[in-house]
């Protein structure tokens, strides 16, 4: 009798794609990429909740609980860290990265922005960044609110990038057209390749 193939590692696909008009289709495409690399991709909308009859806030909490439950069932997170409504990662995605790391499980990330975190802050701020006199070199500039801007040469906030680095990966960055920043999948596939190398070796 042939041996049953081991289950594929499950990865939670975090990111702002859930806000796309064709969010379900976007999740399907990402899951197909994962399958080609031996992983089972789980998209937040896979939960298929029945939210009828719930008040708005209760709908939100039901989605929150379903997403946490889905993350717990996975072996890793692959996060779309493309800047969303600001200079950095979508806040919900950032939470999901930290939530998974809290279980000691790996997270991997990619961004369809090629700029460093420092460069993005500089482009976003209303005024040019100002040098801080006698400052630590990792916080040598401040923004128009006189808040220091970290400059470690990283793609994201150090806590996000540190989580990816210590999971055995590196944030994959790509330069894409603005209209494609939440749908372009080349950097995602490279990130999936990283994740598969780590997860399949461990399984």
Foldseek 3Di string as FASTA:
>chain_A
DDDDDDQFAEEEEAADLCPDPPSVVLQVVLQVLLVVLRHGYDYLCVLVDDCPPPDPVVSVVVSVVSSLVVLVVGQEYEYEFADDPALTRDPVRVVSLVSNVVVVGAYWYEFAAPDASVVSLQVGAPDGWDADPPDDVQFGTAGPVRHTDGDPVARHDCVNQVRNVVNQHGYHYHHDDPVCRVRDCPSVSVRSNRVSVSVVVVD
